[in-house]
């Protein structure tokens, strides 16, 4: 096992060393040429190195031995093409176009993969869209944290723009329980998003007096923030807590998730005075009514895939009695 781990590390290190070396050498050579015509020719040759040669090295060192999947070549090719645009003189427009194409290509790939998984069988349609996006991205990016962050980003856009006809994700074998109605979490996000819309135009007109470019940048950031708020609100409604025979999937939209196996639950009870301070409250800033004591810590996931260990969960269930009955059934 140690030999296999060492071999993986050696191959990763070799690829990174060769890729960085090729990037540095091609960049230095291309920028050392003053003549624009000659530089275009050299930049074209360097593009082949950055895209084709680096991808070939990646395939030989990591894909062929089975360390990385073939799908991960997509990220290497896209990054190589994006890097190559920096070598061409006066290529700001090309850089922006390449970046946009890379992002559009990645989104298209994820959409195709998610729809393909949804068509595999009746049971697959119960799959969580967030899980489907992450499953599609993990073979592409070597670092799991990057796949989780990108999946979170795309998930927010999915819920903000494409989920308006969607129904809450509830597999056939699961019972669903909401945890947002009493506290009004989703309504709060909607209200803040609406307030931000009302501020966009006045702020744009005000800042435009000093700098038109900055005004458009702030408007774009405001619109993106509004989309985030709406996406979070939609995810809270469409991703309830799920209780099955084997586990409890404590979900609060895209903000929190903890999958608790049934055999990890030591006790289910109404939370006592002062106990919430030592527990992970879901949703935060709510008044929890059900306490899940765990026999050992489990890994919970927050925004952008950030993970941490939790030992006690304090949940603000809208249907406290039904939630507790579902949790204690069969115990």
C-alpha atoms as a PDB file:
ATOM      1  CA  UNK A   1       0.000   0.000   0.000  1.00  0.00           C
ATOM      2  CA  UNK A   2       2.841   2.398   0.897  1.00  0.00           C
ATOM      3  CA  UNK A   3       4.624   1.565  -2.370  1.00  0.00           C
ATOM      4  CA  UNK A   4       1.442   2.333  -4.323  1.00  0.00           C
ATOM      5  CA  UNK A   5       1.004   5.636  -2.469  1.00  0.00           C
ATOM      6  CA  UNK A   6       4.634   6.571  -3.117  1.00  0.00           C
ATOM      7  CA  UNK A   7       4.243   5.718  -6.802  1.00  0.00           C
ATOM      8  CA  UNK A   8       1.168   7.958  -7.050  1.00  0.00           C
ATOM      9  CA  UNK A   9       3.006  10.817  -5.390  1.00  0.00           C
ATOM     10  CA  UNK A  10       6.000  10.395  -7.680  1.00  0.00           C
ATOM     11  CA  UNK A  11       3.792  10.459 -10.753  1.00  0.00           C
ATOM     12  CA  UNK A  12       1.890  13.543  -9.556  1.00  0.00           C
ATOM     13  CA  UNK A  13       5.163  15.288  -8.711  1.00  0.00           C
ATOM     14  CA  UNK A  14       6.669  14.364 -12.085  1.00  0.00           C
ATOM     15  CA  UNK A  15       3.662  15.723 -13.964  1.00  0.00           C
ATOM     16  CA  UNK A  16       3.636  18.988 -11.997  1.00  0.00           C
ATOM     17  CA  UNK A  17       7.376  19.454 -12.485  1.00  0.00           C
ATOM     18  CA  UNK A  18       7.190  18.834 -16.252  1.00  0.00           C
ATOM     19  CA  UNK A  19       4.055  20.971 -16.703  1.00  0.00           C
ATOM     20  CA  UNK A  20       5.550  23.902 -14.769  1.00  0.00           C
ATOM     21  CA  UNK A  21       8.830  23.590 -16.664  1.00  0.00           C
ATOM     22  CA  UNK A  22       7.077  23.654 -20.045  1.00  0.00           C
ATOM     23  CA  UNK A  23       4.961  26.642 -18.999  1.00  0.00           C
ATOM     24  CA  UNK A  24       7.935  28.629 -17.727  1.00  0.00           C
ATOM     25  CA  UNK A  25      10.190  27.894 -20.719  1.00  0.00           C
ATOM     26  CA  UNK A  26       7.486  28.624 -23.304  1.00  0.00           C
ATOM     27  CA  UNK A  27       6.524  31.819 -21.494  1.00  0.00           C
ATOM     28  CA  UNK A  28      10.101  33.106 -21.280  1.00  0.00           C
ATOM     29  CA  UNK A  29      10.898  32.293 -24.910  1.00  0.00           C
ATOM     30  CA  UNK A  30       7.690  33.841 -26.245  1.00  0.00           C
ATOM     31  CA  UNK A  31       8.012  37.066 -24.248  1.00  0.00           C
ATOM     32  CA  UNK A  32      11.669  37.473 -25.242  1.00  0.00           C
ATOM     33  CA  UNK A  33      10.665  38.019 -28.897  1.00  0.00           C
ATOM     34  CA  UNK A  34       9.971  41.662 -29.678  1.00  0.00           C
ATOM     35  CA  UNK A  35       8.762  41.301 -33.263  1.00  0.00           C
ATOM     36  CA  UNK A  36       4.949  40.840 -33.170  1.00  0.00           C
ATOM     37  CA  UNK A  37       4.871  38.594 -36.255  1.00  0.00           C
ATOM     38  CA  UNK A  38       7.542  36.225 -35.005  1.00  0.00           C
ATOM     39  CA  UNK A  39       6.004  36.225 -31.545  1.00  0.00           C
ATOM     40  CA  UNK A  40       2.663  35.078 -32.989  1.00  0.00           C
ATOM     41  CA  UNK A  41       4.389  32.109 -34.662  1.00  0.00           C
ATOM     42  CA  UNK A  42       6.277  31.162 -31.505  1.00  0.00           C
ATOM     43  CA  UNK A  43       3.119  31.590 -29.415  1.00  0.00           C
ATOM     44  CA  UNK A  44       1.305  29.214 -31.786  1.00  0.00           C
ATOM     45  CA  UNK A  45       4.036  26.591 -31.343  1.00  0.00           C
ATOM     46  CA  UNK A  46       4.004  27.132 -27.576  1.00  0.00           C
ATOM     47  CA  UNK A  47       0.242  26.588 -27.578  1.00  0.00           C
ATOM     48  CA  UNK A  48       0.803  23.064 -28.891  1.00  0.00           C
ATOM     49  CA  UNK A  49       3.211  22.456 -26.028  1.00  0.00           C
ATOM     50  CA  UNK A  50       0.841  23.813 -23.391  1.00  0.00           C
ATOM     51  CA  UNK A  51      -2.219  21.982 -24.695  1.00  0.00           C
ATOM     52  CA  UNK A  52      -1.114  18.820 -26.518  1.00  0.00           C
ATOM     53  CA  UNK A  53       2.234  17.988 -24.905  1.00  0.00           C
ATOM     54  CA  UNK A  54       1.115  18.685 -21.331  1.00  0.00           C
ATOM     55  CA  UNK A  55      -2.078  16.664 -21.899  1.00  0.00           C
ATOM     56  CA  UNK A  56      -0.019  13.795 -23.355  1.00  0.00           C
ATOM     57  CA  UNK A  57       2.281  13.803 -20.318  1.00  0.00           C
ATOM     58  CA  UNK A  58      -0.738  13.849 -18.019  1.00  0.00           C
ATOM     59  CA  UNK A  59      -2.256  10.905 -19.873  1.00  0.00           C
ATOM     60  CA  UNK A  60       0.975   8.906 -19.810  1.00  0.00           C
ATOM     61  CA  UNK A  61       1.780   9.528 -16.141  1.00  0.00           C
ATOM     62  CA  UNK A  62      -1.686   9.574 -14.535  1.00  0.00           C
ATOM     63  CA  UNK A  63      -4.513   8.437 -16.816  1.00  0.00           C
ATOM     64  CA  UNK A  64      -2.910   5.382 -18.394  1.00  0.00           C
ATOM     65  CA  UNK A  65      -1.948   3.812 -15.003  1.00  0.00           C
ATOM     66  CA  UNK A  66      -5.525   4.388 -13.781  1.00  0.00           C
ATOM     67  CA  UNK A  67      -4.660   7.048 -11.190  1.00  0.00           C
ATOM     68  CA  UNK A  68      -6.920   9.635 -12.863  1.00  0.00           C
ATOM     69  CA  UNK A  69      -9.954   9.144 -15.114  1.00  0.00           C
ATOM     70  CA  UNK A  70     -10.081  10.082 -18.777  1.00  0.00           C
ATOM     71  CA  UNK A  71     -12.548  12.842 -17.974  1.00  0.00           C
ATOM     72  CA  UNK A  72      -9.858  14.705 -16.037  1.00  0.00           C
ATOM     73  CA  UNK A  73      -8.114  15.376 -19.359  1.00  0.00           C
ATOM     74  CA  UNK A  74     -10.840  17.952 -20.038  1.00  0.00           C
ATOM     75  CA  UNK A  75      -9.571  20.177 -17.223  1.00  0.00           C
ATOM     76  CA  UNK A  76      -5.961  19.857 -18.414  1.00  0.00           C
ATOM     77  CA  UNK A  77      -6.887  20.770 -22.002  1.00  0.00           C
ATOM     78  CA  UNK A  78      -9.046  23.724 -20.916  1.00  0.00           C
ATOM     79  CA  UNK A  79      -6.382  25.063 -18.553  1.00  0.00           C
ATOM     80  CA  UNK A  80      -3.705  24.642 -21.227  1.00  0.00           C
ATOM     81  CA  UNK A  81      -5.777  26.560 -23.760  1.00  0.00           C
ATOM     82  CA  UNK A  82      -6.504  29.318 -21.252  1.00  0.00           C
ATOM     83  CA  UNK A  83      -2.822  29.605 -20.329  1.00  0.00           C
ATOM     84  CA  UNK A  84      -1.847  29.788 -24.015  1.00  0.00           C
ATOM     85  CA  UNK A  85      -3.905  32.955 -24.563  1.00  0.00           C
ATOM     86  CA  UNK A  86      -1.522  34.847 -22.246  1.00  0.00           C
ATOM     87  CA  UNK A  87       1.335  34.274 -24.716  1.00  0.00           C
ATOM     88  CA  UNK A  88      -0.227  36.195 -27.598  1.00  0.00           C
ATOM     89  CA  UNK A  89       0.363  39.975 -27.790  1.00  0.00           C
ATOM     90  CA  UNK A  90      -2.683  42.140 -27.079  1.00  0.00           C
ATOM     91  CA  UNK A  91      -4.849  39.134 -26.358  1.00  0.00           C
ATOM     92  CA  UNK A  92      -7.114  40.497 -23.620  1.00  0.00           C
ATOM     93  CA  UNK A  93     -10.211  39.806 -25.666  1.00  0.00           C
ATOM     94  CA  UNK A  94      -8.925  36.309 -26.448  1.00  0.00           C
ATOM     95  CA  UNK A  95      -8.268  35.685 -22.752  1.00  0.00           C
ATOM     96  CA  UNK A  96     -11.791  36.740 -21.840  1.00  0.00           C
ATOM     97  CA  UNK A  97     -13.236  34.633 -24.671  1.00  0.00           C
ATOM     98  CA  UNK A  98     -11.136  31.604 -23.707  1.00  0.00           C
ATOM     99  CA  UNK A  99     -12.161  31.956 -20.074  1.00  0.00           C
ATOM    100  CA  UNK A 100     -15.819  32.192 -21.058  1.00  0.00           C
ATOM    101  CA  UNK A 101     -15.542  29.178 -23.361  1.00  0.00           C
ATOM    102  CA  UNK A 102     -13.813  27.161 -20.633  1.00  0.00           C
ATOM    103  CA  UNK A 103     -16.579  27.973 -18.163  1.00  0.00           C
ATOM    104  CA  UNK A 104     -19.308  27.287 -20.728  1.00  0.00           C
ATOM    105  CA  UNK A 105     -17.639  24.019 -21.719  1.00  0.00           C
ATOM    106  CA  UNK A 106     -17.405  22.908 -18.100  1.00  0.00           C
ATOM    107  CA  UNK A 107     -21.057  23.764 -17.431  1.00  0.00           C
ATOM    108  CA  UNK A 108     -22.149  21.956 -20.603  1.00  0.00           C
ATOM    109  CA  UNK A 109     -20.148  18.879 -19.617  1.00  0.00           C
ATOM    110  CA  UNK A 110     -21.744  18.820 -16.156  1.00  0.00           C
ATOM    111  CA  UNK A 111     -25.253  19.257 -17.604  1.00  0.00           C
ATOM    112  CA  UNK A 112     -24.727  16.375 -20.038  1.00  0.00           C
ATOM    113  CA  UNK A 113     -23.368  14.108 -17.294  1.00  0.00           C
ATOM    114  CA  UNK A 114     -26.204  14.936 -14.898  1.00  0.00           C
ATOM    115  CA  UNK A 115     -28.871  14.285 -17.563  1.00  0.00           C
ATOM    116  CA  UNK A 116     -27.156  11.063 -18.610  1.00  0.00           C
ATOM    117  CA  UNK A 117     -27.248   9.800 -15.022  1.00  0.00           C
ATOM    118  CA  UNK A 118     -30.899  10.813 -14.739  1.00  0.00           C
ATOM    119  CA  UNK A 119     -31.787   8.639 -17.746  1.00  0.00           C
ATOM    120  CA  UNK A 120     -30.068   5.471 -16.517  1.00  0.00           C
ATOM    121  CA  UNK A 121     -33.083   4.163 -14.683  1.00  0.00           C
ATOM    122  CA  UNK A 122     -36.183   5.070 -12.667  1.00  0.00           C
ATOM    123  CA  UNK A 123     -34.283   5.042  -9.367  1.00  0.00           C
ATOM    124  CA  UNK A 124     -31.638   7.412 -10.657  1.00  0.00           C
ATOM    125  CA  UNK A 125     -34.198  10.204 -10.992  1.00  0.00           C
ATOM    126  CA  UNK A 126     -34.313  10.344  -7.197  1.00  0.00           C
ATOM    127  CA  UNK A 127     -30.684  11.416  -7.147  1.00  0.00           C
ATOM    128  CA  UNK A 128     -29.746  14.714  -5.565  1.00  0.00           C
ATOM    129  CA  UNK A 129     -28.722  17.234  -8.289  1.00  0.00           C
ATOM    130  CA  UNK A 130     -25.867  18.432  -6.070  1.00  0.00           C
ATOM    131  CA  UNK A 131     -24.500  14.892  -5.759  1.00  0.00           C
ATOM    132  CA  UNK A 132     -24.866  14.405  -9.510  1.00  0.00           C
ATOM    133  CA  UNK A 133     -22.863  17.570 -10.235  1.00  0.00           C
ATOM    134  CA  UNK A 134     -20.132  16.575  -7.816  1.00  0.00           C
ATOM    135  CA  UNK A 135     -19.955  13.071  -9.276  1.00  0.00           C
ATOM    136  CA  UNK A 136     -19.530  14.601 -12.730  1.00  0.00           C
ATOM    137  CA  UNK A 137     -16.773  16.977 -11.566  1.00  0.00           C
ATOM    138  CA  UNK A 138     -14.709  14.683  -9.336  1.00  0.00           C
ATOM    139  CA  UNK A 139     -13.130  12.697 -12.206  1.00  0.00           C
ATOM    140  CA  UNK A 140     -11.998  15.963 -13.830  1.00  0.00           C
ATOM    141  CA  UNK A 141     -10.213  17.682 -10.965  1.00  0.00           C
ATOM    142  CA  UNK A 142      -7.437  15.880  -9.062  1.00  0.00           C
ATOM    143  CA  UNK A 143      -8.126  17.820  -5.844  1.00  0.00           C
ATOM    144  CA  UNK A 144     -11.474  16.775  -4.263  1.00  0.00           C
ATOM    145  CA  UNK A 145     -11.883  20.187  -2.613  1.00  0.00           C
ATOM    146  CA  UNK A 146     -11.886  21.893  -6.030  1.00  0.00           C
ATOM    147  CA  UNK A 147     -14.650  19.589  -7.259  1.00  0.00           C
ATOM    148  CA  UNK A 148     -16.709  20.314  -4.142  1.00  0.00           C
ATOM    149  CA  UNK A 149     -16.307  24.083  -4.519  1.00  0.00           C
ATOM    150  CA  UNK A 150     -17.221  24.046  -8.212  1.00  0.00           C
ATOM    151  CA  UNK A 151     -20.186  21.774  -7.533  1.00  0.00           C
ATOM    152  CA  UNK A 152     -21.387  24.239  -4.880  1.00  0.00           C
ATOM    153  CA  UNK A 153     -21.010  27.146  -7.315  1.00  0.00           C
ATOM    154  CA  UNK A 154     -22.890  25.380 -10.108  1.00  0.00           C
ATOM    155  CA  UNK A 155     -25.534  24.152  -7.671  1.00  0.00           C
ATOM    156  CA  UNK A 156     -26.345  27.708  -6.606  1.00  0.00           C
ATOM    157  CA  UNK A 157     -26.773  28.742 -10.244  1.00  0.00           C
ATOM    158  CA  UNK A 158     -28.923  25.660 -10.906  1.00  0.00           C
ATOM    159  CA  UNK A 159     -31.265  26.413  -8.006  1.00  0.00           C
ATOM    160  CA  UNK A 160     -31.408  30.133  -8.838  1.00  0.00           C
ATOM    161  CA  UNK A 161     -32.073  29.784 -12.569  1.00  0.00           C
ATOM    162  CA  UNK A 162     -33.332  26.299 -13.477  1.00  0.00           C
ATOM    163  CA  UNK A 163     -35.196  24.865 -10.480  1.00  0.00           C
ATOM    164  CA  UNK A 164     -38.463  26.776 -10.639  1.00  0.00           C
ATOM    165  CA  UNK A 165     -40.424  23.760 -11.874  1.00  0.00           C
ATOM    166  CA  UNK A 166     -38.521  21.293  -9.743  1.00  0.00           C
ATOM    167  CA  UNK A 167     -40.057  19.462  -6.812  1.00  0.00           C
ATOM    168  CA  UNK A 168     -38.263  18.802  -3.510  1.00  0.00           C
ATOM    169  CA  UNK A 169     -35.684  16.058  -3.830  1.00  0.00           C
ATOM    170  CA  UNK A 170     -37.197  13.128  -1.916  1.00  0.00           C
ATOM    171  CA  UNK A 171     -36.223   9.540  -2.884  1.00  0.00           C
ATOM    172  CA  UNK A 172     -39.041   6.988  -2.918  1.00  0.00           C
ATOM    173  CA  UNK A 173     -37.839   5.192   0.204  1.00  0.00           C
ATOM    174  CA  UNK A 174     -37.342   8.366   2.283  1.00  0.00           C
ATOM    175  CA  UNK A 175     -39.511  10.531   4.534  1.00  0.00           C
ATOM    176  CA  UNK A 176     -38.986  14.276   4.117  1.00  0.00           C
ATOM    177  CA  UNK A 177     -39.116  16.879   6.892  1.00  0.00           C
ATOM    178  CA  UNK A 178     -38.752  20.620   6.398  1.00  0.00           C
ATOM    179  CA  UNK A 179     -36.738  22.764   8.794  1.00  0.00           C
ATOM    180  CA  UNK A 180     -37.238  26.219   7.280  1.00  0.00           C
ATOM    181  CA  UNK A 181     -40.897  27.175   7.657  1.00  0.00           C
ATOM    182  CA  UNK A 182     -41.011  28.174  11.337  1.00  0.00           C
ATOM    183  CA  UNK A 183     -37.851  30.240  11.146  1.00  0.00           C
ATOM    184  CA  UNK A 184     -38.643  31.707   7.729  1.00  0.00           C
ATOM    185  CA  UNK A 185     -35.096  31.118   6.438  1.00  0.00           C
ATOM    186  CA  UNK A 186     -36.039  30.898   2.769  1.00  0.00           C
ATOM    187  CA  UNK A 187     -38.321  33.937   3.028  1.00  0.00           C
ATOM    188  CA  UNK A 188     -35.482  35.928   4.587  1.00  0.00           C
ATOM    189  CA  UNK A 189     -33.148  35.143   1.668  1.00  0.00           C
ATOM    190  CA  UNK A 190     -35.888  36.119  -0.806  1.00  0.00           C
ATOM    191  CA  UNK A 191     -36.461  39.394   1.031  1.00  0.00           C
ATOM    192  CA  UNK A 192     -32.767  40.294   1.032  1.00  0.00           C
ATOM    193  CA  UNK A 193     -32.551  39.433  -2.679  1.00  0.00           C
ATOM    194  CA  UNK A 194     -35.533  41.690  -3.404  1.00  0.00           C
ATOM    195  CA  UNK A 195     -33.980  44.502  -1.389  1.00  0.00           C
ATOM    196  CA  UNK A 196     -30.725  44.153  -3.336  1.00  0.00           C
ATOM    197  CA  UNK A 197     -32.644  44.460  -6.628  1.00  0.00           C
ATOM    198  CA  UNK A 198     -34.164  47.748  -5.482  1.00  0.00           C
ATOM    199  CA  UNK A 199     -30.681  49.093  -4.694  1.00  0.00           C
ATOM    200  CA  UNK A 200     -28.950  48.068  -7.928  1.00  0.00           C
ATOM    201  CA  UNK A 201     -30.211  50.871 -10.197  1.00  0.00           C
ATOM    202  CA  UNK A 202     -29.675  53.796  -7.763  1.00  0.00           C
ATOM    203  CA  UNK A 203     -26.209  52.519  -6.871  1.00  0.00           C
ATOM    204  CA  UNK A 204     -25.292  52.084 -10.548  1.00  0.00           C
ATOM    205  CA  UNK A 205     -26.398  55.648 -11.381  1.00  0.00           C
ATOM    206  CA  UNK A 206     -24.565  57.059  -8.379  1.00  0.00           C
ATOM    207  CA  UNK A 207     -21.245  55.302  -9.014  1.00  0.00           C
ATOM    208  CA  UNK A 208     -21.457  56.025 -12.737  1.00  0.00           C
ATOM    209  CA  UNK A 209     -20.839  59.716 -12.011  1.00  0.00           C
ATOM    210  CA  UNK A 210     -17.312  58.823 -10.886  1.00  0.00           C
ATOM    211  CA  UNK A 211     -16.437  55.711 -12.898  1.00  0.00           C
ATOM    212  CA  UNK A 212     -18.629  53.921 -15.457  1.00  0.00           C
ATOM    213  CA  UNK A 213     -16.508  50.756 -15.416  1.00  0.00           C
ATOM    214  CA  UNK A 214     -16.706  50.464 -11.640  1.00  0.00           C
ATOM    215  CA  UNK A 215     -20.466  51.028 -11.825  1.00  0.00           C
ATOM    216  CA  UNK A 216     -20.912  48.058 -14.161  1.00  0.00           C
ATOM    217  CA  UNK A 217     -18.596  45.898 -12.025  1.00  0.00           C
ATOM    218  CA  UNK A 218     -20.621  46.663  -8.895  1.00  0.00           C
ATOM    219  CA  UNK A 219     -23.851  45.998 -10.794  1.00  0.00           C
ATOM    220  CA  UNK A 220     -22.546  42.626 -11.947  1.00  0.00           C
ATOM    221  CA  UNK A 221     -21.456  41.711  -8.419  1.00  0.00           C
ATOM    222  CA  UNK A 222     -24.857  42.780  -7.064  1.00  0.00           C
ATOM    223  CA  UNK A 223     -26.722  40.666  -9.636  1.00  0.00           C
ATOM    224  CA  UNK A 224     -24.501  37.690  -8.890  1.00  0.00           C
ATOM    225  CA  UNK A 225     -25.099  38.145  -5.156  1.00  0.00           C
ATOM    226  CA  UNK A 226     -28.839  38.293  -5.799  1.00  0.00           C
ATOM    227  CA  UNK A 227     -28.625  35.022  -7.747  1.00  0.00           C
ATOM    228  CA  UNK A 228     -26.768  33.464  -4.817  1.00  0.00           C
ATOM    229  CA  UNK A 229     -29.455  34.516  -2.351  1.00  0.00           C
ATOM    230  CA  UNK A 230     -32.246  33.179  -4.568  1.00  0.00           C
ATOM    231  CA  UNK A 231     -30.326  29.944  -5.179  1.00  0.00           C
ATOM    232  CA  UNK A 232     -29.822  29.408  -1.454  1.00  0.00           C
ATOM    233  CA  UNK A 233     -33.514  30.071  -0.797  1.00  0.00           C
ATOM    234  CA  UNK A 234     -34.589  27.596  -3.479  1.00  0.00           C
ATOM    235  CA  UNK A 235     -32.153  24.958  -2.213  1.00  0.00           C
ATOM    236  CA  UNK A 236     -33.555  25.258   1.312  1.00  0.00           C
ATOM    237  CA  UNK A 237     -37.054  24.518  -0.010  1.00  0.00           C
ATOM    238  CA  UNK A 238     -35.994  21.729  -2.380  1.00  0.00           C
ATOM    239  CA  UNK A 239     -33.557  19.889  -0.083  1.00  0.00           C
ATOM    240  CA  UNK A 240     -35.416  18.851   3.091  1.00  0.00           C
ATOM    241  CA  UNK A 241     -34.132  16.512   5.789  1.00  0.00           C
ATOM    242  CA  UNK A 242     -34.482  12.871   4.688  1.00  0.00           C
ATOM    243  CA  UNK A 243     -35.086   9.910   6.975  1.00  0.00           C
ATOM    244  CA  UNK A 244     -34.612   6.386   5.620  1.00  0.00           C
ATOM    245  CA  UNK A 245     -34.313   2.944   7.177  1.00  0.00           C
ATOM    246  CA  UNK A 246     -30.510   3.216   7.154  1.00  0.00           C
ATOM    247  CA  UNK A 247     -29.683   6.888   7.687  1.00  0.00           C
ATOM    248  CA  UNK A 248     -30.758  10.435   8.413  1.00  0.00           C
ATOM    249  CA  UNK A 249     -29.643  13.002   5.837  1.00  0.00           C
ATOM    250  CA  UNK A 250     -29.745  16.327   7.667  1.00  0.00           C
ATOM    251  CA  UNK A 251     -29.831  18.950   4.908  1.00  0.00           C
ATOM    252  CA  UNK A 252     -30.383  22.672   5.051  1.00  0.00           C
ATOM    253  CA  UNK A 253     -30.221  23.663   1.421  1.00  0.00           C
ATOM    254  CA  UNK A 254     -26.649  24.206   0.260  1.00  0.00           C
ATOM    255  CA  UNK A 255     -25.641  25.602   3.650  1.00  0.00           C
ATOM    256  CA  UNK A 256     -25.353  22.415   5.703  1.00  0.00           C
ATOM    257  CA  UNK A 257     -25.419  18.662   5.235  1.00  0.00           C
ATOM    258  CA  UNK A 258     -24.657  15.731   7.535  1.00  0.00           C
ATOM    259  CA  UNK A 259     -25.387  12.122   6.602  1.00  0.00           C
ATOM    260  CA  UNK A 260     -25.910  10.218   9.840  1.00  0.00           C
ATOM    261  CA  UNK A 261     -26.049   6.396   9.721  1.00  0.00           C
ATOM    262  CA  UNK A 262     -28.771   4.994  11.967  1.00  0.00           C
ATOM    263  CA  UNK A 263     -26.279   2.968  13.993  1.00  0.00           C
ATOM    264  CA  UNK A 264     -24.413   6.208  14.839  1.00  0.00           C
ATOM    265  CA  UNK A 265     -27.457   7.683  16.626  1.00  0.00           C
ATOM    266  CA  UNK A 266     -27.123   7.095  20.369  1.00  0.00           C
ATOM    267  CA  UNK A 267     -30.260   8.995  21.404  1.00  0.00           C
ATOM    268  CA  UNK A 268     -33.141  11.048  19.995  1.00  0.00           C
ATOM    269  CA  UNK A 269     -34.816  13.454  22.396  1.00  0.00           C
ATOM    270  CA  UNK A 270     -36.211  16.911  22.833  1.00  0.00           C
ATOM    271  CA  UNK A 271     -33.368  19.332  23.387  1.00  0.00           C
ATOM    272  CA  UNK A 272     -33.015  20.623  26.921  1.00  0.00           C
ATOM    273  CA  UNK A 273     -32.322  24.157  28.176  1.00  0.00           C
ATOM    274  CA  UNK A 274     -28.764  25.275  27.478  1.00  0.00           C
ATOM    275  CA  UNK A 275     -27.873  22.175  25.418  1.00  0.00           C
ATOM    276  CA  UNK A 276     -27.973  23.989  22.086  1.00  0.00           C
ATOM    277  CA  UNK A 277     -24.810  25.907  22.998  1.00  0.00           C
ATOM    278  CA  UNK A 278     -22.750  22.705  22.813  1.00  0.00           C
ATOM    279  CA  UNK A 279     -24.432  21.354  19.667  1.00  0.00           C
ATOM    280  CA  UNK A 280     -24.417  22.102  15.958  1.00  0.00           C
ATOM    281  CA  UNK A 281     -27.690  23.960  15.388  1.00  0.00           C
ATOM    282  CA  UNK A 282     -29.517  23.389  12.088  1.00  0.00           C
ATOM    283  CA  UNK A 283     -30.507  25.906  10.885  1.00  0.00           C
ATOM    284  CA  UNK A 284     -28.252  28.283  12.757  1.00  0.00           C
ATOM    285  CA  UNK A 285     -29.956  31.117  14.698  1.00  0.00           C
ATOM    286  CA  UNK A 286     -33.103  29.003  15.071  1.00  0.00           C
ATOM    287  CA  UNK A 287     -34.753  27.471  18.134  1.00  0.00           C
ATOM    288  CA  UNK A 288     -34.040  23.714  17.859  1.00  0.00           C
ATOM    289  CA  UNK A 289     -36.491  21.194  19.254  1.00  0.00           C
ATOM    290  CA  UNK A 290     -34.901  17.797  18.455  1.00  0.00           C
ATOM    291  CA  UNK A 291     -31.481  16.632  19.619  1.00  0.00           C
ATOM    292  CA  UNK A 292     -29.520  13.853  17.913  1.00  0.00           C
ATOM    293  CA  UNK A 293     -26.792  12.450  20.155  1.00  0.00           C
ATOM    294  CA  UNK A 294     -24.206  10.578  18.089  1.00  0.00           C
ATOM    295  CA  UNK A 295     -22.147   7.654  19.329  1.00  0.00           C
ATOM    296  CA  UNK A 296     -19.100   9.028  17.511  1.00  0.00           C
ATOM    297  CA  UNK A 297     -18.312  12.163  15.502  1.00  0.00           C
ATOM    298  CA  UNK A 298     -19.314  12.326  11.851  1.00  0.00           C
ATOM    299  CA  UNK A 299     -18.238  14.661   9.067  1.00  0.00           C
ATOM    300  CA  UNK A 300     -20.630  17.468   8.197  1.00  0.00           C
ATOM    301  CA  UNK A 301     -20.385  19.691   5.146  1.00  0.00           C
ATOM    302  CA  UNK A 302     -20.943  23.427   4.998  1.00  0.00           C
ATOM    303  CA  UNK A 303     -20.842  26.000   2.185  1.00  0.00           C
ATOM    304  CA  UNK A 304     -18.317  25.365  -0.624  1.00  0.00           C
ATOM    305  CA  UNK A 305     -17.831  21.794   0.608  1.00  0.00           C
ATOM    306  CA  UNK A 306     -16.007  22.860   3.792  1.00  0.00           C
ATOM    307  CA  UNK A 307     -16.082  19.928   6.218  1.00  0.00           C
ATOM    308  CA  UNK A 308     -15.946  19.620   9.988  1.00  0.00           C
ATOM    309  CA  UNK A 309     -16.684  17.011  12.646  1.00  0.00           C
ATOM    310  CA  UNK A 310     -19.925  17.121  14.663  1.00  0.00           C
ATOM    311  CA  UNK A 311     -20.978  15.031  17.671  1.00  0.00           C
ATOM    312  CA  UNK A 312     -24.397  16.470  18.520  1.00  0.00           C
ATOM    313  CA  UNK A 313     -27.056  17.930  16.196  1.00  0.00           C
ATOM    314  CA  UNK A 314     -29.793  20.295  17.363  1.00  0.00           C
ATOM    315  CA  UNK A 315     -32.481  20.479  14.664  1.00  0.00           C
ATOM    316  CA  UNK A 316     -35.398  22.901  14.374  1.00  0.00           C
ATOM    317  CA  UNK A 317     -37.946  20.564  12.758  1.00  0.00           C
ATOM    318  CA  UNK A 318     -41.219  22.086  11.552  1.00  0.00           C
ATOM    319  CA  UNK A 319     -43.012  18.820  12.400  1.00  0.00           C
ATOM    320  CA  UNK A 320     -41.281  17.921  15.654  1.00  0.00           C
ATOM    321  CA  UNK A 321     -43.537  14.999  16.606  1.00  0.00           C
ATOM    322  CA  UNK A 322     -43.441  13.388  13.163  1.00  0.00           C
ATOM    323  CA  UNK A 323     -39.690  13.864  12.883  1.00  0.00           C
ATOM    324  CA  UNK A 324     -39.060  12.216  16.244  1.00  0.00           C
ATOM    325  CA  UNK A 325     -41.382   9.306  15.391  1.00  0.00           C
ATOM    326  CA  UNK A 326     -39.526   8.723  12.115  1.00  0.00           C
ATOM    327  CA  UNK A 327     -36.168   8.812  13.908  1.00  0.00           C
ATOM    328  CA  UNK A 328     -37.205   6.398  16.651  1.00  0.00           C
ATOM    329  CA  UNK A 329     -39.065   3.948  14.374  1.00  0.00           C
ATOM    330  CA  UNK A 330     -37.472   0.511  14.579  1.00  0.00           C
ATOM    331  CA  UNK A 331     -35.178   1.424  17.486  1.00  0.00           C
END
